[in-house]
């Protein structure tokens, strides 16, 4: 089952991300310039909308793959860096 994650739900403290992740950060600029909703359109026939377990949102998975390609990190390093790197969390 696929969920529709078109909006980014960071936290009720969104202003903190504005202070910590600068406006000229590459990931912030990519996130603001690219509309990732095309991923849902491409994959909506591949997921059941009302049956089965919830899937990890495809936009999040695509962004993980993009981060791996940009920063040349392994899966383990990506998960670890996503825990503490605020620009990864923002993206």
N, C-alpha and C. Protein backbone atom coordinates (compact mmCIF):
# COMPACT_ATOMS: atom_id res chain seq x y z
N UNK A 1 0.86 -1.17 0.00
CA UNK A 1 0.00 0.00 0.00
C UNK A 1 0.90 1.23 0.00
N UNK A 2 0.57 2.18 -0.82
CA UNK A 2 1.40 3.37 -0.97
C UNK A 2 0.73 4.56 -0.30
N UNK A 3 1.53 5.35 0.37
CA UNK A 3 1.00 6.57 0.97
C UNK A 3 1.42 7.76 0.12
N UNK A 4 0.65 8.79 0.16
CA UNK A 4 0.90 9.97 -0.65
C UNK A 4 1.69 10.99 0.17
N UNK A 5 3.01 11.01 -0.01
CA UNK A 5 3.86 11.93 0.73
C UNK A 5 4.36 13.02 -0.20
N UNK A 6 3.47 13.93 -0.55
CA UNK A 6 3.86 15.03 -1.42
C UNK A 6 4.39 16.21 -0.63
N UNK A 7 4.06 16.26 0.65
CA UNK A 7 4.56 17.35 1.47
C UNK A 7 5.59 16.81 2.44
N UNK A 8 6.50 17.66 2.81
CA UNK A 8 7.56 17.29 3.73
C UNK A 8 7.15 17.65 5.15
N UNK A 9 7.00 16.65 5.99
CA UNK A 9 6.63 16.88 7.38
C UNK A 9 7.88 16.77 8.25
N UNK A 10 8.54 17.87 8.47
CA UNK A 10 9.77 17.83 9.25
C UNK A 10 9.48 17.80 10.74
N UNK A 11 8.94 18.85 11.23
CA UNK A 11 8.62 18.95 12.65
C UNK A 11 7.85 20.25 12.87
N UNK A 12 7.27 20.38 14.04
CA UNK A 12 6.62 21.66 14.32
C UNK A 12 7.63 22.80 14.48
N UNK A 13 8.90 22.46 14.51
CA UNK A 13 9.96 23.44 14.69
C UNK A 13 10.69 23.69 13.37
N UNK A 14 9.95 23.97 12.32
CA UNK A 14 10.51 24.15 10.99
C UNK A 14 11.54 25.28 10.94
N UNK A 15 11.39 26.26 11.77
CA UNK A 15 12.32 27.39 11.78
C UNK A 15 13.73 26.96 12.15
N UNK A 16 13.86 25.87 12.90
CA UNK A 16 15.19 25.36 13.25
C UNK A 16 15.94 24.93 12.00
N UNK A 17 15.24 24.26 11.07
CA UNK A 17 15.88 23.85 9.83
C UNK A 17 16.33 25.06 9.02
N UNK A 18 15.55 26.13 9.06
CA UNK A 18 15.94 27.35 8.35
C UNK A 18 17.22 27.95 8.93
N UNK A 19 17.43 27.79 10.23
CA UNK A 19 18.64 28.32 10.85
C UNK A 19 19.84 27.40 10.62
N UNK A 20 19.62 26.10 10.63
CA UNK A 20 20.73 25.13 10.58
C UNK A 20 21.16 24.81 9.15
N UNK A 21 20.20 24.70 8.24
CA UNK A 21 20.52 24.38 6.84
C UNK A 21 20.49 25.69 6.05
N UNK A 22 21.67 26.16 5.61
CA UNK A 22 21.72 27.46 4.93
C UNK A 22 20.98 27.44 3.59
N UNK A 23 20.59 28.61 3.14
CA UNK A 23 19.85 28.75 1.88
C UNK A 23 20.68 28.29 0.68
N UNK A 24 22.00 28.38 0.76
CA UNK A 24 22.84 27.98 -0.37
C UNK A 24 23.27 26.51 -0.31
N UNK A 25 22.71 25.74 0.61
CA UNK A 25 23.01 24.31 0.70
C UNK A 25 22.47 23.62 -0.55
N UNK A 26 23.30 22.75 -1.15
CA UNK A 26 22.94 22.09 -2.39
C UNK A 26 21.65 21.27 -2.26
N UNK A 27 21.52 20.52 -1.18
CA UNK A 27 20.34 19.68 -1.00
C UNK A 27 19.08 20.52 -0.81
N UNK A 28 19.23 21.63 -0.13
CA UNK A 28 18.07 22.53 0.05
C UNK A 28 17.64 23.11 -1.29
N UNK A 29 18.61 23.49 -2.10
CA UNK A 29 18.28 24.05 -3.41
C UNK A 29 17.62 23.01 -4.31
N UNK A 30 18.14 21.78 -4.29
CA UNK A 30 17.52 20.71 -5.08
C UNK A 30 16.09 20.48 -4.62
N UNK A 31 15.90 20.43 -3.32
CA UNK A 31 14.56 20.18 -2.77
C UNK A 31 13.58 21.28 -3.15
N UNK A 32 14.06 22.51 -3.24
CA UNK A 32 13.18 23.63 -3.58
C UNK A 32 12.94 23.73 -5.09
N UNK A 33 13.90 23.28 -5.90
CA UNK A 33 13.78 23.41 -7.35
C UNK A 33 13.06 22.25 -8.03
N UNK A 34 13.19 21.05 -7.48
CA UNK A 34 12.66 19.86 -8.14
C UNK A 34 11.33 19.47 -7.52
N UNK A 35 10.36 19.23 -8.37
CA UNK A 35 9.06 18.72 -7.93
C UNK A 35 9.11 17.19 -8.05
N UNK A 36 9.23 16.53 -6.91
CA UNK A 36 9.39 15.08 -6.90
C UNK A 36 8.07 14.32 -7.03
N UNK A 37 6.97 15.01 -7.25
CA UNK A 37 5.68 14.32 -7.35
C UNK A 37 5.58 13.45 -8.59
N UNK A 38 6.46 13.66 -9.58
CA UNK A 38 6.43 12.82 -10.77
C UNK A 38 6.69 11.36 -10.43
N UNK A 39 7.38 11.12 -9.33
CA UNK A 39 7.69 9.74 -8.92
C UNK A 39 6.41 9.00 -8.58
N UNK A 40 5.49 9.66 -7.88
CA UNK A 40 4.22 9.02 -7.55
C UNK A 40 3.43 8.68 -8.81
N UNK A 41 3.45 9.56 -9.79
CA UNK A 41 2.73 9.29 -11.04
C UNK A 41 3.33 8.08 -11.76
N UNK A 42 4.66 7.98 -11.76
CA UNK A 42 5.32 6.86 -12.43
C UNK A 42 5.05 5.53 -11.76
N UNK A 43 4.89 5.54 -10.45
CA UNK A 43 4.81 4.29 -9.69
C UNK A 43 3.41 3.93 -9.20
N UNK A 44 2.42 4.76 -9.44
CA UNK A 44 1.12 4.49 -8.83
C UNK A 44 0.48 3.20 -9.33
N UNK A 45 0.82 2.72 -10.51
CA UNK A 45 0.28 1.44 -10.99
C UNK A 45 1.04 0.25 -10.43
N UNK A 46 2.15 0.48 -9.77
CA UNK A 46 2.96 -0.60 -9.21
C UNK A 46 2.59 -0.93 -7.77
N UNK A 47 1.83 -0.08 -7.13
CA UNK A 47 1.45 -0.26 -5.73
C UNK A 47 -0.06 -0.41 -5.62
N UNK A 48 -0.48 -1.21 -4.67
CA UNK A 48 -1.90 -1.32 -4.34
C UNK A 48 -2.25 -0.16 -3.41
N UNK A 49 -3.32 0.53 -3.70
CA UNK A 49 -3.68 1.71 -2.91
C UNK A 49 -4.45 1.39 -1.64
N UNK A 50 -5.06 0.21 -1.56
CA UNK A 50 -5.93 -0.07 -0.42
C UNK A 50 -5.71 -1.43 0.23
N UNK A 51 -4.67 -2.13 -0.12
CA UNK A 51 -4.46 -3.46 0.41
C UNK A 51 -2.98 -3.67 0.71
N UNK A 52 -2.69 -4.42 1.75
CA UNK A 52 -1.31 -4.74 2.07
C UNK A 52 -0.70 -3.82 3.10
N UNK A 53 0.56 -4.10 3.39
CA UNK A 53 1.28 -3.29 4.37
C UNK A 53 1.67 -1.95 3.75
N UNK A 54 1.85 -0.98 4.60
CA UNK A 54 2.27 0.33 4.11
C UNK A 54 3.69 0.26 3.57
N UNK A 55 3.89 0.86 2.41
CA UNK A 55 5.21 0.92 1.80
C UNK A 55 5.93 2.18 2.26
N UNK A 56 7.25 2.13 2.21
CA UNK A 56 8.03 3.35 2.44
C UNK A 56 7.72 4.28 1.27
N UNK A 57 7.46 5.54 1.53
CA UNK A 57 7.09 6.45 0.43
C UNK A 57 8.14 6.46 -0.68
N UNK A 58 7.71 6.27 -1.93
CA UNK A 58 8.65 6.21 -3.05
C UNK A 58 9.49 7.47 -3.22
N UNK A 59 8.95 8.62 -2.86
CA UNK A 59 9.73 9.85 -2.97
C UNK A 59 10.92 9.79 -2.02
N UNK A 60 10.69 9.30 -0.81
CA UNK A 60 11.79 9.17 0.15
C UNK A 60 12.85 8.19 -0.37
N UNK A 61 12.41 7.06 -0.94
CA UNK A 61 13.37 6.09 -1.47
C UNK A 61 14.17 6.67 -2.63
N UNK A 62 13.49 7.44 -3.50
CA UNK A 62 14.19 8.08 -4.61
C UNK A 62 15.23 9.08 -4.10
N UNK A 63 14.85 9.83 -3.08
CA UNK A 63 15.79 10.80 -2.51
C UNK A 63 16.98 10.09 -1.88
N UNK A 64 16.76 8.93 -1.25
CA UNK A 64 17.88 8.14 -0.72
C UNK A 64 18.83 7.74 -1.85
N UNK A 65 18.28 7.27 -2.96
CA UNK A 65 19.12 6.90 -4.10
C UNK A 65 19.88 8.10 -4.64
N UNK A 66 19.22 9.23 -4.68
CA UNK A 66 19.88 10.45 -5.15
C UNK A 66 21.02 10.86 -4.22
N UNK A 67 20.80 10.77 -2.92
CA UNK A 67 21.86 11.07 -1.95
C UNK A 67 23.03 10.12 -2.11
N UNK A 68 22.74 8.83 -2.33
CA UNK A 68 23.81 7.86 -2.53
C UNK A 68 24.65 8.21 -3.75
N UNK A 69 23.99 8.64 -4.83
CA UNK A 69 24.70 8.97 -6.06
C UNK A 69 25.51 10.26 -5.91
N UNK A 70 24.95 11.26 -5.27
CA UNK A 70 25.63 12.55 -5.13
C UNK A 70 26.84 12.44 -4.22
N UNK A 71 26.68 11.77 -3.08
CA UNK A 71 27.74 11.74 -2.07
C UNK A 71 28.56 10.45 -2.07
N UNK A 72 28.22 9.51 -2.97
CA UNK A 72 28.96 8.26 -3.11
C UNK A 72 29.14 7.56 -1.76
N UNK A 73 28.02 7.29 -1.10
CA UNK A 73 28.04 6.61 0.20
C UNK A 73 27.33 5.27 0.08
N UNK A 74 27.67 4.36 0.97
CA UNK A 74 27.02 3.05 1.01
C UNK A 74 25.66 3.17 1.70
N UNK A 75 24.89 2.09 1.65
CA UNK A 75 23.59 2.09 2.33
C UNK A 75 23.74 2.34 3.82
N UNK A 76 24.71 1.67 4.42
CA UNK A 76 24.94 1.81 5.86
C UNK A 76 25.34 3.24 6.19
N UNK A 77 26.24 3.81 5.41
CA UNK A 77 26.67 5.19 5.65
C UNK A 77 25.53 6.18 5.43
N UNK A 78 24.68 5.90 4.46
CA UNK A 78 23.54 6.78 4.20
C UNK A 78 22.57 6.79 5.37
N UNK A 79 22.26 5.61 5.90
CA UNK A 79 21.36 5.53 7.06
C UNK A 79 21.98 6.23 8.26
N UNK A 80 23.27 6.00 8.49
CA UNK A 80 23.95 6.63 9.63
C UNK A 80 23.97 8.15 9.48
N UNK A 81 24.31 8.62 8.29
CA UNK A 81 24.40 10.06 8.08
C UNK A 81 23.02 10.71 8.15
N UNK A 82 21.98 9.98 7.76
CA UNK A 82 20.62 10.51 7.83
C UNK A 82 20.15 10.72 9.26
N UNK A 83 20.82 10.09 10.20
CA UNK A 83 20.44 10.25 11.61
C UNK A 83 20.92 11.57 12.18
N UNK A 84 22.07 12.08 11.70
CA UNK A 84 22.64 13.27 12.34
C UNK A 84 22.86 14.46 11.41
N UNK A 85 22.90 14.26 10.10
CA UNK A 85 23.17 15.36 9.17
C UNK A 85 21.86 16.10 8.88
N UNK A 86 21.78 17.33 9.32
CA UNK A 86 20.54 18.09 9.20
C UNK A 86 20.17 18.36 7.74
N UNK A 87 21.16 18.50 6.86
CA UNK A 87 20.82 18.73 5.45
C UNK A 87 20.22 17.47 4.84
N UNK A 88 20.67 16.28 5.26
CA UNK A 88 20.06 15.03 4.80
C UNK A 88 18.64 14.93 5.32
N UNK A 89 18.43 15.30 6.58
CA UNK A 89 17.09 15.23 7.16
C UNK A 89 16.15 16.21 6.45
N UNK A 90 16.65 17.39 6.14
CA UNK A 90 15.84 18.38 5.45
C UNK A 90 15.44 17.89 4.06
N UNK A 91 16.40 17.26 3.37
CA UNK A 91 16.16 16.77 2.02
C UNK A 91 15.15 15.65 2.06
